[in-house]
Amino acid sequence: MALSHINTFLSNESGAVTVDWVVLTAALVGLGLAVMSVVSGGVENLSTDIGQGLTDTDPLTDPFVGNTTFTESE
C-alpha cells in the first residue's frame, strides 16, 4: 500500500509548473542584483555631482551663474 502511494507521488507532475516559476523568478532576481551592482557606482557618482551642484547654488542670486558643468567621470 505504501509503495503505491510513493509511485503515485513520483509520477504526479502537478508541481512542475511551480518549480519552473520559482526558477524563472530566481533568475530575474539574480539579473536584477547583477544590474544593480554594475550601475550603482555610476549612479552614486552622478548623485554626488548633483548634490554638490545644488550645494554650490545660492538660491537668493541667479542660480545659473557659476553653475558647475557636469562631465562624464571614469
PDB file of N, CA and C in Angstrom:
ATOM      1  N   MET A   1       0.819  -1.185   0.000  1.00  0.00           N
ATOM      2  CA  MET A   1       0.000   0.000   0.000  1.00  0.00           C
ATOM      3  C   MET A   1       0.866   1.253   0.000  1.00  0.00           C
ATOM      4  N   ALA A   2       1.875   1.318   0.813  1.00  0.00           N
ATOM      5  CA  ALA A   2       2.753   2.488   0.877  1.00  0.00           C
ATOM      6  C   ALA A   2       3.534   2.644  -0.422  1.00  0.00           C
ATOM      7  N   LEU A   3       3.879   1.511  -1.046  1.00  0.00           N
ATOM      8  CA  LEU A   3       4.621   1.579  -2.299  1.00  0.00           C
ATOM      9  C   LEU A   3       3.777   2.199  -3.409  1.00  0.00           C
ATOM     10  N   SER A   4       2.495   1.919  -3.423  1.00  0.00           N
ATOM     11  CA  SER A   4       1.627   2.509  -4.452  1.00  0.00           C
ATOM     12  C   SER A   4       1.481   4.017  -4.242  1.00  0.00           C
ATOM     13  N   HIS A   5       1.473   4.487  -2.991  1.00  0.00           N
ATOM     14  CA  HIS A   5       1.414   5.928  -2.714  1.00  0.00           C
ATOM     15  C   HIS A   5       2.707   6.612  -3.168  1.00  0.00           C
ATOM     16  N   ILE A   6       3.812   5.968  -2.960  1.00  0.00           N
ATOM     17  CA  ILE A   6       5.104   6.525  -3.381  1.00  0.00           C
ATOM     18  C   ILE A   6       5.174   6.600  -4.901  1.00  0.00           C
ATOM     19  N   ASN A   7       4.731   5.551  -5.583  1.00  0.00           N
ATOM     20  CA  ASN A   7       4.736   5.553  -7.052  1.00  0.00           C
ATOM     21  C   ASN A   7       3.795   6.634  -7.598  1.00  0.00           C
ATOM     22  N   THR A   8       2.652   6.800  -6.976  1.00  0.00           N
ATOM     23  CA  THR A   8       1.719   7.850  -7.396  1.00  0.00           C
ATOM     24  C   THR A   8       2.340   9.231  -7.193  1.00  0.00           C
ATOM     25  N   PHE A   9       2.997   9.429  -6.073  1.00  0.00           N
ATOM     26  CA  PHE A   9       3.651  10.706  -5.787  1.00  0.00           C
ATOM     27  C   PHE A   9       4.758  11.000  -6.799  1.00  0.00           C
ATOM     28  N   LEU A  10       5.561  10.006  -7.111  1.00  0.00           N
ATOM     29  CA  LEU A  10       6.665  10.209  -8.044  1.00  0.00           C
ATOM     30  C   LEU A  10       6.193  10.451  -9.471  1.00  0.00           C
ATOM     31  N   SER A  11       5.061   9.911  -9.846  1.00  0.00           N
ATOM     32  CA  SER A  11       4.570  10.093 -11.211  1.00  0.00           C
ATOM     33  C   SER A  11       3.704  11.347 -11.361  1.00  0.00           C
ATOM     34  N   ASN A  12       3.334  11.984 -10.265  1.00  0.00           N
ATOM     35  CA  ASN A  12       2.488  13.183 -10.313  1.00  0.00           C
ATOM     36  C   ASN A  12       3.329  14.376 -10.763  1.00  0.00           C
ATOM     37  N   GLU A  13       2.865  15.126 -11.773  1.00  0.00           N
ATOM     38  CA  GLU A  13       3.595  16.266 -12.311  1.00  0.00           C
ATOM     39  C   GLU A  13       2.885  17.591 -12.055  1.00  0.00           C
ATOM     40  N   SER A  14       2.005  17.659 -11.103  1.00  0.00           N
ATOM     41  CA  SER A  14       1.222  18.868 -10.877  1.00  0.00           C
ATOM     42  C   SER A  14       2.056  20.022 -10.333  1.00  0.00           C
ATOM     43  N   GLY A  15       3.186  19.782  -9.716  1.00  0.00           N
ATOM     44  CA  GLY A  15       4.027  20.846  -9.173  1.00  0.00           C
ATOM     45  C   GLY A  15       5.123  21.303 -10.109  1.00  0.00           C
ATOM     46  N   ALA A  16       5.190  20.751 -11.310  1.00  0.00           N
ATOM     47  CA  ALA A  16       6.274  21.086 -12.229  1.00  0.00           C
ATOM     48  C   ALA A  16       6.216  22.538 -12.677  1.00  0.00           C
ATOM     49  N   VAL A  17       5.027  23.086 -12.857  1.00  0.00           N
ATOM     50  CA  VAL A  17       4.889  24.480 -13.272  1.00  0.00           C
ATOM     51  C   VAL A  17       5.370  25.408 -12.161  1.00  0.00           C
ATOM     52  N   THR A  18       5.090  25.059 -10.934  1.00  0.00           N
ATOM     53  CA  THR A  18       5.543  25.862  -9.806  1.00  0.00           C
ATOM     54  C   THR A  18       7.057  25.912  -9.751  1.00  0.00           C
ATOM     55  N   VAL A  19       7.701  24.811  -9.986  1.00  0.00           N
ATOM     56  CA  VAL A  19       9.166  24.767  -9.986  1.00  0.00           C
ATOM     57  C   VAL A  19       9.707  25.656 -11.103  1.00  0.00           C
ATOM     58  N   ASP A  20       9.080  25.634 -12.270  1.00  0.00           N
ATOM     59  CA  ASP A  20       9.509  26.491 -13.379  1.00  0.00           C
ATOM     60  C   ASP A  20       9.421  27.962 -12.996  1.00  0.00           C
ATOM     61  N   TRP A  21       8.313  28.355 -12.373  1.00  0.00           N
ATOM     62  CA  TRP A  21       8.163  29.761 -11.986  1.00  0.00           C
ATOM     63  C   TRP A  21       9.157  30.160 -10.903  1.00  0.00           C
ATOM     64  N   VAL A  22       9.465  29.268 -10.002  1.00  0.00           N
ATOM     65  CA  VAL A  22      10.454  29.570  -8.956  1.00  0.00           C
ATOM     66  C   VAL A  22      11.819  29.784  -9.590  1.00  0.00           C
ATOM     67  N   VAL A  23      12.186  28.947 -10.548  1.00  0.00           N
ATOM     68  CA  VAL A  23      13.479  29.091 -11.216  1.00  0.00           C
ATOM     69  C   VAL A  23      13.526  30.385 -12.011  1.00  0.00           C
ATOM     70  N   LEU A  24      12.467  30.712 -12.737  1.00  0.00           N
ATOM     71  CA  LEU A  24      12.433  31.958 -13.505  1.00  0.00           C
ATOM     72  C   LEU A  24      12.496  33.184 -12.593  1.00  0.00           C
ATOM     73  N   THR A  25      11.796  33.144 -11.480  1.00  0.00           N
ATOM     74  CA  THR A  25      11.821  34.259 -10.540  1.00  0.00           C
ATOM     75  C   THR A  25      13.212  34.432  -9.934  1.00  0.00           C
ATOM     76  N   ALA A  26      13.849  33.337  -9.588  1.00  0.00           N
ATOM     77  CA  ALA A  26      15.209  33.412  -9.045  1.00  0.00           C
ATOM     78  C   ALA A  26      16.179  33.983 -10.087  1.00  0.00           C
ATOM     79  N   ALA A  27      16.005  33.618 -11.344  1.00  0.00           N
ATOM     80  CA  ALA A  27      16.858  34.150 -12.402  1.00  0.00           C
ATOM     81  C   ALA A  27      16.653  35.653 -12.560  1.00  0.00           C
ATOM     82  N   LEU A  28      15.415  36.112 -12.491  1.00  0.00           N
ATOM     83  CA  LEU A  28      15.151  37.541 -12.599  1.00  0.00           C
ATOM     84  C   LEU A  28      15.712  38.314 -11.413  1.00  0.00           C
ATOM     85  N   VAL A  29      15.608  37.774 -10.232  1.00  0.00           N
ATOM     86  CA  VAL A  29      16.179  38.428  -9.049  1.00  0.00           C
ATOM     87  C   VAL A  29      17.696  38.507  -9.182  1.00  0.00           C
ATOM     88  N   GLY A  30      18.319  37.434  -9.635  1.00  0.00           N
ATOM     89  CA  GLY A  30      19.768  37.438  -9.841  1.00  0.00           C
ATOM     90  C   GLY A  30      20.191  38.446 -10.892  1.00  0.00           C
ATOM     91  N   LEU A  31      19.437  38.531 -11.979  1.00  0.00           N
ATOM     92  CA  LEU A  31      19.740  39.509 -13.020  1.00  0.00           C
ATOM     93  C   LEU A  31      19.593  40.927 -12.489  1.00  0.00           C
ATOM     94  N   GLY A  32      18.567  41.164 -11.709  1.00  0.00           N
ATOM     95  CA  GLY A  32      18.378  42.488 -11.111  1.00  0.00           C
ATOM     96  C   GLY A  32      19.518  42.868 -10.181  1.00  0.00           C
ATOM     97  N   LEU A  33      19.985  41.935  -9.382  1.00  0.00           N
ATOM     98  CA  LEU A  33      21.119  42.207  -8.491  1.00  0.00           C
ATOM     99  C   LEU A  33      22.401  42.473  -9.280  1.00  0.00           C
ATOM    100  N   ALA A  34      22.601  41.738 -10.371  1.00  0.00           N
ATOM    101  CA  ALA A  34      23.789  41.952 -11.203  1.00  0.00           C
ATOM    102  C   ALA A  34      23.761  43.331 -11.843  1.00  0.00           C
ATOM    103  N   VAL A  35      22.607  43.728 -12.358  1.00  0.00           N
ATOM    104  CA  VAL A  35      22.479  45.057 -12.970  1.00  0.00           C
ATOM    105  C   VAL A  35      22.691  46.140 -11.914  1.00  0.00           C
ATOM    106  N   MET A  36      22.128  45.939 -10.744  1.00  0.00           N
ATOM    107  CA  MET A  36      22.283  46.920  -9.679  1.00  0.00           C
ATOM    108  C   MET A  36      23.750  47.091  -9.284  1.00  0.00           C
ATOM    109  N   SER A  37      24.490  46.005  -9.208  1.00  0.00           N
ATOM    110  CA  SER A  37      25.897  46.114  -8.818  1.00  0.00           C
ATOM    111  C   SER A  37      26.726  46.806  -9.889  1.00  0.00           C
ATOM    112  N   VAL A  38      26.359  46.653 -11.155  1.00  0.00           N
ATOM    113  CA  VAL A  38      27.103  47.305 -12.236  1.00  0.00           C
ATOM    114  C   VAL A  38      26.779  48.793 -12.298  1.00  0.00           C
ATOM    115  N   VAL A  39      25.526  49.159 -12.098  1.00  0.00           N
ATOM    116  CA  VAL A  39      25.078  50.534 -12.291  1.00  0.00           C
ATOM    117  C   VAL A  39      25.280  51.388 -11.036  1.00  0.00           C
ATOM    118  N   SER A  40      25.360  50.800  -9.874  1.00  0.00           N
ATOM    119  CA  SER A  40      25.352  51.562  -8.628  1.00  0.00           C
ATOM    120  C   SER A  40      26.517  52.541  -8.507  1.00  0.00           C
ATOM    121  N   GLY A  41      27.690  52.191  -9.002  1.00  0.00           N
ATOM    122  CA  GLY A  41      28.831  53.100  -8.912  1.00  0.00           C
ATOM    123  C   GLY A  41      28.604  54.373  -9.697  1.00  0.00           C
ATOM    124  N   GLY A  42      28.109  54.257 -10.911  1.00  0.00           N
ATOM    125  CA  GLY A  42      27.840  55.440 -11.730  1.00  0.00           C
ATOM    126  C   GLY A  42      26.732  56.298 -11.158  1.00  0.00           C
ATOM    127  N   VAL A  43      25.700  55.671 -10.627  1.00  0.00           N
ATOM    128  CA  VAL A  43      24.598  56.423 -10.033  1.00  0.00           C
ATOM    129  C   VAL A  43      25.072  57.165  -8.794  1.00  0.00           C
ATOM    130  N   GLU A  44      25.937  56.540  -8.012  1.00  0.00           N
ATOM    131  CA  GLU A  44      26.456  57.201  -6.812  1.00  0.00           C
ATOM    132  C   GLU A  44      27.301  58.408  -7.178  1.00  0.00           C
ATOM    133  N   ASN A  45      28.156  58.286  -8.198  1.00  0.00           N
ATOM    134  CA  ASN A  45      28.972  59.415  -8.632  1.00  0.00           C
ATOM    135  C   ASN A  45      28.101  60.551  -9.159  1.00  0.00           C
ATOM    136  N   LEU A  46      27.101  60.224  -9.944  1.00  0.00           N
ATOM    137  CA  LEU A  46      26.215  61.241 -10.502  1.00  0.00           C
ATOM    138  C   LEU A  46      25.431  61.942  -9.404  1.00  0.00           C
ATOM    139  N   SER A  47      24.937  61.197  -8.432  1.00  0.00           N
ATOM    140  CA  SER A  47      24.176  61.826  -7.354  1.00  0.00           C
ATOM    141  C   SER A  47      25.066  62.724  -6.502  1.00  0.00           C
ATOM    142  N   THR A  48      26.326  62.350  -6.335  1.00  0.00           N
ATOM    143  CA  THR A  48      27.274  63.201  -5.609  1.00  0.00           C
ATOM    144  C   THR A  48      27.501  64.496  -6.370  1.00  0.00           C
ATOM    145  N   ASP A  49      27.672  64.412  -7.692  1.00  0.00           N
ATOM    146  CA  ASP A  49      27.866  65.609  -8.508  1.00  0.00           C
ATOM    147  C   ASP A  49      26.641  66.521  -8.455  1.00  0.00           C
ATOM    148  N   ILE A  50      25.461  65.949  -8.534  1.00  0.00           N
ATOM    149  CA  ILE A  50      24.239  66.746  -8.481  1.00  0.00           C
ATOM    150  C   ILE A  50      24.093  67.400  -7.107  1.00  0.00           C
ATOM    151  N   GLY A  51      24.363  66.652  -6.050  1.00  0.00           N
ATOM    152  CA  GLY A  51      24.289  67.204  -4.700  1.00  0.00           C
ATOM    153  C   GLY A  51      25.266  68.337  -4.497  1.00  0.00           C
ATOM    154  N   GLN A  52      26.479  68.198  -5.023  1.00  0.00           N
ATOM    155  CA  GLN A  52      27.475  69.262  -4.896  1.00  0.00           C
ATOM    156  C   GLN A  52      27.046  70.494  -5.690  1.00  0.00           C
ATOM    157  N   GLY A  53      26.461  70.285  -6.877  1.00  0.00           N
ATOM    158  CA  GLY A  53      25.966  71.406  -7.671  1.00  0.00           C
ATOM    159  C   GLY A  53      24.842  72.147  -6.966  1.00  0.00           C
ATOM    160  N   LEU A  54      23.957  71.412  -6.310  1.00  0.00           N
ATOM    161  CA  LEU A  54      22.874  72.051  -5.561  1.00  0.00           C
ATOM    162  C   LEU A  54      23.398  72.780  -4.329  1.00  0.00           C
ATOM    163  N   THR A  55      24.428  72.235  -3.702  1.00  0.00           N
ATOM    164  CA  THR A  55      25.019  72.884  -2.539  1.00  0.00           C
ATOM    165  C   THR A  55      25.702  74.182  -2.931  1.00  0.00           C
ATOM    166  N   ASP A  56      26.352  74.195  -4.083  1.00  0.00           N
ATOM    167  CA  ASP A  56      27.078  75.384  -4.541  1.00  0.00           C
ATOM    168  C   ASP A  56      26.156  76.482  -5.067  1.00  0.00           C
ATOM    169  N   THR A  57      24.895  76.185  -5.315  1.00  0.00           N
ATOM    170  CA  THR A  57      23.959  77.156  -5.873  1.00  0.00           C
ATOM    171  C   THR A  57      23.360  78.000  -4.761  1.00  0.00           C
ATOM    172  N   ASP A  58      23.418  79.325  -4.945  1.00  0.00           N
ATOM    173  CA  ASP A  58      22.816  80.253  -3.987  1.00  0.00           C
ATOM    174  C   ASP A  58      21.424  80.623  -4.495  1.00  0.00           C
ATOM    175  N   PRO A  59      20.373  80.229  -3.805  1.00  0.00           N
ATOM    176  CA  PRO A  59      19.014  80.484  -4.317  1.00  0.00           C
ATOM    177  C   PRO A  59      18.605  81.954  -4.276  1.00  0.00           C
ATOM    178  N   LEU A  60      19.345  82.800  -3.528  1.00  0.00           N
ATOM    179  CA  LEU A  60      18.996  84.211  -3.448  1.00  0.00           C
ATOM    180  C   LEU A  60      19.534  85.008  -4.627  1.00  0.00           C
ATOM    181  N   THR A  61      20.471  84.452  -5.347  1.00  0.00           N
ATOM    182  CA  THR A  61      21.006  85.103  -6.539  1.00  0.00           C
ATOM    183  C   THR A  61      20.582  84.282  -7.751  1.00  0.00           C
ATOM    184  N   ASP A  62      21.105  84.641  -8.904  1.00  0.00           N
ATOM    185  CA  ASP A  62      20.770  83.900 -10.123  1.00  0.00           C
ATOM    186  C   ASP A  62      21.339  82.486 -10.014  1.00  0.00           C
ATOM    187  N   PRO A  63      20.502  81.469 -10.001  1.00  0.00           N
ATOM    188  CA  PRO A  63      21.002  80.103  -9.794  1.00  0.00           C
ATOM    189  C   PRO A  63      21.814  79.569 -10.985  1.00  0.00           C
ATOM    190  N   PHE A  64      21.798  80.276 -12.112  1.00  0.00           N
ATOM    191  CA  PHE A  64      22.513  79.781 -13.278  1.00  0.00           C
ATOM    192  C   PHE A  64      23.907  80.387 -13.414  1.00  0.00           C
ATOM    193  N   VAL A  65      24.269  81.314 -12.560  1.00  0.00           N
ATOM    194  CA  VAL A  65      25.598  81.924 -12.606  1.00  0.00           C
ATOM    195  C   VAL A  65      26.571  81.027 -11.850  1.00  0.00           C
ATOM    196  N   GLY A  66      27.704  80.758 -12.447  1.00  0.00           N
ATOM    197  CA  GLY A  66      28.727  79.942 -11.782  1.00  0.00           C
ATOM    198  C   GLY A  66      28.325  78.504 -11.608  1.00  0.00           C
ATOM    199  N   ASN A  67      27.445  78.020 -12.440  1.00  0.00           N
ATOM    200  CA  ASN A  67      26.985  76.637 -12.338  1.00  0.00           C
ATOM    201  C   ASN A  67      28.094  75.681 -12.765  1.00  0.00           C
ATOM    202  N   THR A  68      28.184  74.576 -12.124  1.00  0.00           N
ATOM    203  CA  THR A  68      29.184  73.566 -12.431  1.00  0.00           C
ATOM    204  C   THR A  68      28.791  72.825 -13.701  1.00  0.00           C
ATOM    205  N   THR A  69      29.746  72.638 -14.584  1.00  0.00           N
ATOM    206  CA  THR A  69      29.491  71.842 -15.777  1.00  0.00           C
ATOM    207  C   THR A  69      29.797  70.395 -15.444  1.00  0.00           C
ATOM    208  N   PHE A  70      28.817  69.552 -15.605  1.00  0.00           N
ATOM    209  CA  PHE A  70      28.985  68.147 -15.281  1.00  0.00           C
ATOM    210  C   PHE A  70      29.615  67.433 -16.459  1.00  0.00           C
ATOM    211  N   THR A  71      30.648  66.675 -16.183  1.00  0.00           N
ATOM    212  CA  THR A  71      31.308  65.894 -17.213  1.00  0.00           C
ATOM    213  C   THR A  71      31.248  64.425 -16.828  1.00  0.00           C
ATOM    214  N   GLU A  72      31.422  63.589 -17.794  1.00  0.00           N
ATOM    215  CA  GLU A  72      31.415  62.153 -17.555  1.00  0.00           C
ATOM    216  C   GLU A  72      32.719  61.761 -16.867  1.00  0.00           C
ATOM    217  N   SER A  73      32.618  61.124 -15.715  1.00  0.00           N
ATOM    218  CA  SER A  73      33.824  60.692 -14.994  1.00  0.00           C
ATOM    219  C   SER A  73      34.056  59.219 -15.235  1.00  0.00           C
ATOM    220  N   GLU A  74      35.286  58.823 -15.048  1.00  0.00           N
ATOM    221  CA  GLU A  74      35.641  57.409 -15.292  1.00  0.00           C
ATOM    222  C   GLU A  74      35.522  56.596 -14.057  1.00  0.00           C
TER     223      GLU A  74
END
